Structure formats: structure tokens, C-alpha cells
Amino acid sequence: MIEKSVNSLPIWFFESLLKHENISHFVSGRMGGFSSPPYDSLNLALHVEDDPKKVHKNRQLLASTLDISLNNFTFAKQIHDSSVKIITEELRGSGGLEQQTAIEATDALVSNLPNICLIVLVADCVPILFFDPKKNIIGAAHAGWRGTVLGVVQNTVKTFLERFGSSPRDIIVGIGPSIGPCCYEVGSEVITHVEDTFHSKKGYIDEKPLEDGKGYLNLWETNKTLLVEMDIPENNIESAGICTHCNHNSFFSHRYQKRGTGRFGAGIMIKRV
């Protein structure tokens, strides 16, 4: 993943996805917007207690910076689950201007239509972007620990395969910035869920030097493992390896701020030919 300054706004891109000129994609940061603390400053979320007018200005700034119409920005009401929604033309722009119009109870979006920018919002959870260049299918998923163990990644890939005829060998995936294994302390309940899912803690939970059954969860490795198990080649998976907690000046981190905070976004769109 590389960082670029686009019209003075810091934006991150997956190198693997930049090779494909028929799509646009991005991962935004937290700097360069209009919101006041603790949402400073490029908060993209309308569901937090930020001033909606400032959020609209932030979204419009990002849209114009990326040369994407704000009317194409499409959001979901994320609930830390594993549901996937196929976005049709009628749903284009859902949640772009008003939170109540966002796609209900969905943590992954998939589409094969141009000019629909699928966006997930995060502040420590993992944003994951998908692209099948042969079938021209895009996807965006929000994967916290709950969504990860519930199968949001697998369900997204299954949607590509079962609804659009993709081959897993063709799907390119970008795992974006999130809280890293250096900082993501979790309790015994989460560790039990991870062990039930992977039948092991090795490589996913670092239990040293913590006590009381706690450990550090590696969301990057868990999601990568799930993708590989879905037959996506490891070489097709690019992981940012950027911890939002460590890099809280660049990205929103709910764990770091320990109070209200904003959300940055990861999005992908097929360009109209």
C-alpha cells in the first residue's frame, strides 16, 4: 500500500489495484477535513455525533479529490455481522447524503455496475476491498473480530463465485489499515471464538505477556487465512500492515481515543467506459 497526496489530501492506495485502470479505489485518512475534535478532521460517518453539515463537506471534499460524484458514494449500516448485499442501480448513492438511506444491516457490498462507489467505514476494524478483473466485479467488506469469525470474508467471496461466476484464482484483495496485532488486546471470549473458528490460536493470538486469559488478536492474519482457505492465491492478497492505533494521527482509532471518534473510509468503483 502506498500513500499519495491528492490535491493536498493524503490518500492510500493498494498497489495491486492501481494496476487496473478501469476501477477507482481509495483508503482515506483522518486529516484535511472540516470536523472538530474528537472527529477531527476528515470524518466520513454520519452515524457518530459529528455535525452532519461538516460530514457532508468532508464527503464532498473526498469525492471531488477523487473525481467521483458524491451521488455514487454508497454506504451501509454496518452491524459487525456477515451479511452481503448486491448493489443494483436503484441502490446507488444509498447513505450518501442521509444516514437513514444507507443499506440496512450489512457489512459487505458487492456490485458489477459502473459508477457505484462501495464504501465501508472503520476506526480499527479491517476494511477489505475485492476486485475480479475478469468478471469486472467489486466488493468492500467491514471485518471486526465478530464479522471475521462469523464469515463476512467467506460470504463476500461466495457472492463473487455463486452470483457472478468468478473464479477465486482471479480475485484480488486488499486488506486495509486497522488495529494491528501489536495493539489489539482481547479477552477470553474473543479468543474462544477465534479458536472455534480456526481450531487453533497459533498465529492468530499472541498471549504473551498478558494474563487473565487475554491476548493480542491478529486480524490481518485471520482474514488472510480465511481468504486463502477460499482458494484465493496468497499472491493476490495485499495487506497494508498499518496499525490504526499506532498511527492514530493518520487514521481514526476508537481504541486509542477511548471515546467518540470519526471514521475513515475504504472504497472501490468500476469506472464507466
Foldseek 3Di string as FASTA:
>chain_A
DDWDQQVNFIWDDDPLVVVDPQKDWIWHWQADFPWDPPAHGLFCDPPFPTDLVRNLRSLVVVCVSRVADLQQEAAAPEDQAQAEDEDDPVRGSQCSNHVVRHHYHHFKYKYQDFRHKYKDWDQAWKWKWKAQVVQNMIMIGTHDLSNLLNPNLVVVVVCCCVVRNDDLQRMAMEIEEHAALVPAKDAQVSQVSLCVRVVDCPPAWACPPDDNRITGGGPVVSSLVVSVVSVRDSVRYHYPPHHCLVVVVTHHHCVNVVDDYGIIMIIMGRHDD
